[in-house]
Amino acid sequence: MLELGTLAPDFRLPDPWGKDAGLADFPEARGVLVAFICNHCPFVKHIAPELAKFGNEYHERGLAVIAINSNDTENYPDDGPEKMIEEIENLGYQFPYLVDASQETAKAYRAACTPDFFLFDRDHKLVYRGQFDDSRPESGVPVTGKDLRAAADAVLAGETPSDDQRPSLGCNIKWKATNAPSYA
């Protein structure tokens, strides 16, 4: 995992229509959330409607939200750009949903699963890396985003989120056979 306090690794990636976006596009943001998600993972599907609401709500409050799909789309075509467009339209994502075809951004962030959340403060220092909330598919626990909301609220208030951070749980990122990272 990236250490708390790490500066956000920079990136510039295309969305499914080919328009590039990256951290530099949000110079006035009071914080930045980088979320590694995909289309087919049941854990992402479980939280996606609430993630869309979260993104819209917190964007209005000054938090930049950027989602990245780093999965191998050759072996997992449901995560390809065409399907990403469907997800954006069906869920109402107002934040950039970018394609990390090289998987280099996922490696730089040491992302491990979908969903995987990295919250940075105004200075782009990592202050939270953890779960959306305690809900899991078929758990019966409502999806609220309480863990990420608490961390984002702290960032927007100029405070440091709690050190009590639970790692994300989900599907492994689908690495290309020649690209799997070794985090030693």
Protein backbone atom coordinates (compact mmCIF):
# COMPACT_ATOMS: atom_id res chain seq x y z
CA MET A 1 0.00 0.00 0.00
CA LEU A 2 1.08 3.55 -0.57
CA GLU A 3 2.24 5.13 2.66
CA LEU A 4 0.12 7.91 4.12
CA GLY A 5 1.77 11.23 3.27
CA THR A 6 2.89 10.04 -0.19
CA LEU A 7 2.43 12.61 -2.95
CA ALA A 8 -0.15 11.59 -5.54
CA PRO A 9 1.57 9.97 -8.52
CA ASP A 10 0.81 12.15 -11.53
CA PHE A 11 -1.01 10.77 -14.55
CA ARG A 12 -2.76 11.84 -17.73
CA LEU A 13 -5.14 9.25 -19.16
CA PRO A 14 -7.91 9.19 -21.76
CA ASP A 15 -11.57 8.73 -21.04
CA PRO A 16 -13.47 6.24 -23.24
CA TRP A 17 -14.08 8.98 -25.85
CA GLY A 18 -10.33 9.75 -26.03
CA LYS A 19 -10.30 13.04 -24.06
CA ASP A 20 -7.36 13.17 -21.62
CA ALA A 21 -7.68 14.12 -17.96
CA GLY A 22 -5.41 14.08 -14.94
CA LEU A 23 -4.56 15.64 -11.61
CA ALA A 24 -3.49 18.93 -13.19
CA ASP A 25 -7.07 19.52 -14.37
CA PHE A 26 -8.19 20.25 -10.79
CA PRO A 27 -5.88 23.01 -9.49
CA GLU A 28 -8.56 24.56 -7.26
CA ALA A 29 -9.69 21.29 -5.67
CA ARG A 30 -9.60 21.12 -1.88
CA GLY A 31 -8.73 17.43 -2.17
CA VAL A 32 -8.59 14.66 -4.75
CA LEU A 33 -10.07 11.17 -4.70
CA VAL A 34 -8.55 8.65 -7.10
CA ALA A 35 -10.77 5.57 -7.33
CA PHE A 36 -9.77 2.40 -9.17
CA ILE A 37 -12.98 0.81 -10.41
CA CYS A 38 -14.21 -1.26 -13.34
CA ASN A 39 -17.51 -2.28 -14.92
CA HIS A 40 -17.84 -6.00 -14.18
CA CYS A 41 -16.70 -6.41 -10.56
CA PRO A 42 -19.63 -7.29 -8.26
CA PHE A 43 -18.09 -5.18 -5.47
CA VAL A 44 -18.03 -2.10 -7.73
CA LYS A 45 -21.52 -2.84 -9.07
CA HIS A 46 -22.72 -3.02 -5.46
CA ILE A 47 -21.52 0.50 -4.57
CA ALA A 48 -21.68 2.18 -8.02
CA PRO A 49 -25.00 4.06 -7.58
CA GLU A 50 -23.87 5.44 -4.23
CA LEU A 51 -20.39 6.21 -5.64
CA ALA A 52 -22.08 8.27 -8.38
CA LYS A 53 -24.03 10.22 -5.71
CA PHE A 54 -20.86 10.64 -3.64
CA GLY A 55 -18.94 11.97 -6.65
CA ASN A 56 -21.62 14.50 -7.54
CA GLU A 57 -22.12 15.67 -3.96
CA TYR A 58 -18.45 16.01 -3.08
CA HIS A 59 -17.50 17.62 -6.38
CA GLU A 60 -19.92 20.44 -5.48
CA ARG A 61 -18.11 20.75 -2.16
CA GLY A 62 -14.66 21.13 -3.77
CA LEU A 63 -13.35 17.56 -3.95
CA ALA A 64 -12.06 16.35 -7.30
CA VAL A 65 -13.10 12.76 -8.03
CA ILE A 66 -11.33 10.73 -10.71
CA ALA A 67 -12.10 7.08 -11.46
CA ILE A 68 -9.64 4.85 -13.31
CA ASN A 69 -10.20 1.48 -14.98
CA SER A 70 -6.90 -0.41 -15.17
CA ASN A 71 -8.21 -3.87 -16.03
CA ASP A 72 -6.93 -5.91 -18.98
CA THR A 73 -9.73 -5.26 -21.47
CA GLU A 74 -8.48 -7.84 -23.96
CA ASN A 75 -9.25 -10.67 -21.53
CA TYR A 76 -12.08 -8.79 -19.78
CA PRO A 77 -13.99 -7.05 -22.61
CA ASP A 78 -16.81 -6.03 -20.23
CA ASP A 79 -14.34 -3.48 -18.87
CA GLY A 80 -13.60 -1.99 -22.31
CA PRO A 81 -14.23 1.64 -23.28
CA GLU A 82 -17.58 0.93 -24.95
CA LYS A 83 -18.91 -0.63 -21.76
CA MET A 84 -17.40 2.22 -19.73
CA ILE A 85 -19.52 4.66 -21.73
CA GLU A 86 -22.61 2.61 -20.86
CA GLU A 87 -21.65 2.71 -17.17
CA ILE A 88 -21.10 6.47 -17.24
CA GLU A 89 -24.46 7.04 -18.88
CA ASN A 90 -26.42 4.49 -16.82
CA LEU A 91 -25.02 5.56 -13.46
CA GLY A 92 -24.72 9.28 -14.13
CA TYR A 93 -21.03 9.57 -13.33
CA GLN A 94 -20.17 13.28 -13.47
CA PHE A 95 -16.50 12.64 -12.73
CA PRO A 96 -13.86 11.50 -15.24
CA TYR A 97 -13.73 7.72 -15.71
CA LEU A 98 -10.37 7.06 -17.35
CA VAL A 99 -8.69 4.17 -19.16
CA ASP A 100 -5.31 3.00 -17.83
CA ALA A 101 -4.48 0.70 -20.76
CA SER A 102 -0.78 0.47 -19.85
CA GLN A 103 -1.67 -0.25 -16.20
CA GLU A 104 1.21 2.02 -15.18
CA THR A 105 -1.04 4.31 -13.14
CA ALA A 106 -2.42 1.38 -11.14
CA LYS A 107 1.16 0.27 -10.48
CA ALA A 108 2.20 3.77 -9.41
CA TYR A 109 -0.67 3.87 -6.92
CA ARG A 110 -0.07 0.28 -5.84
CA ALA A 111 -3.76 -0.33 -6.50
CA ALA A 112 -4.73 -3.91 -5.73
CA CYS A 113 -8.45 -4.27 -6.24
CA THR A 114 -11.64 -2.76 -7.53
CA PRO A 115 -12.80 -0.67 -5.87
CA ASP A 116 -9.67 0.85 -4.35
CA PHE A 117 -9.78 4.43 -3.01
CA PHE A 118 -6.95 6.92 -2.53
CA LEU A 119 -7.84 10.28 -0.97
CA PHE A 120 -5.36 13.15 -1.13
CA ASP A 121 -5.47 16.51 0.62
CA ARG A 122 -5.17 19.92 -1.04
CA ASP A 123 -1.38 19.42 -1.31
CA HIS A 124 -1.87 16.01 -2.97
CA LYS A 125 -0.57 14.11 0.06
CA LEU A 126 -2.24 10.75 0.72
CA VAL A 127 -4.44 10.94 3.81
CA TYR A 128 -6.81 8.00 3.30
CA ARG A 129 -6.56 4.64 1.55
CA GLY A 130 -9.41 2.42 2.38
CA GLN A 131 -12.90 1.14 1.86
CA PHE A 132 -16.05 2.95 0.79
CA ASP A 133 -17.93 1.41 3.73
CA ASP A 134 -18.65 -1.94 5.40
CA SER A 135 -21.26 -3.04 2.84
CA ARG A 136 -20.50 -6.01 0.61
CA PRO A 137 -22.59 -7.75 -2.04
CA GLU A 138 -25.33 -9.81 -0.40
CA SER A 139 -24.31 -8.65 3.11
CA GLY A 140 -27.56 -6.85 3.84
CA VAL A 141 -25.55 -3.85 5.08
CA PRO A 142 -26.75 -0.65 3.36
CA VAL A 143 -24.30 1.13 1.05
CA THR A 144 -23.64 4.56 2.56
CA GLY A 145 -20.00 5.37 1.81
CA LYS A 146 -19.59 6.26 5.49
CA ASP A 147 -15.86 5.54 5.72
CA LEU A 148 -14.95 7.51 2.61
CA ARG A 149 -17.43 10.27 3.48
CA ALA A 150 -15.86 10.71 6.92
CA ALA A 151 -12.40 10.95 5.38
CA ALA A 152 -13.55 13.37 2.66
CA ASP A 153 -15.39 15.52 5.23
CA ALA A 154 -12.17 15.78 7.25
CA VAL A 155 -10.14 16.78 4.16
CA LEU A 156 -12.70 19.42 3.18
CA ALA A 157 -12.58 20.79 6.75
CA GLY A 158 -8.78 21.05 6.53
CA GLU A 159 -8.34 18.19 9.00
CA THR A 160 -6.59 14.83 8.85
CA PRO A 161 -8.84 11.78 8.55
CA SER A 162 -8.82 9.17 11.28
CA ASP A 163 -5.99 6.64 11.29
CA ASP A 164 -8.63 3.91 11.62
CA GLN A 165 -8.69 2.97 7.94
CA ARG A 166 -9.91 -0.38 6.67
CA PRO A 167 -8.49 -1.57 3.34
CA SER A 168 -10.75 -1.87 0.34
CA LEU A 169 -12.10 -5.29 -0.48
CA GLY A 170 -13.07 -6.34 -3.98
CA CYS A 171 -11.91 -8.08 -7.13
CA ASN A 172 -8.22 -8.13 -7.97
CA ILE A 173 -7.17 -5.80 -10.74
CA LYS A 174 -7.04 -7.88 -13.91
CA TRP A 175 -3.38 -7.52 -14.85
CA LYS A 176 -2.11 -8.28 -18.31
CA ALA A 177 -0.04 -11.47 -18.21
CA THR A 178 3.17 -9.56 -18.92
CA ASN A 179 2.33 -6.68 -16.62
CA ALA A 180 1.57 -8.06 -13.17
CA PRO A 181 3.39 -5.97 -10.56
CA SER A 182 5.58 -7.39 -7.85
CA TYR A 183 5.26 -5.17 -4.81
CA ALA A 184 8.25 -6.20 -2.77
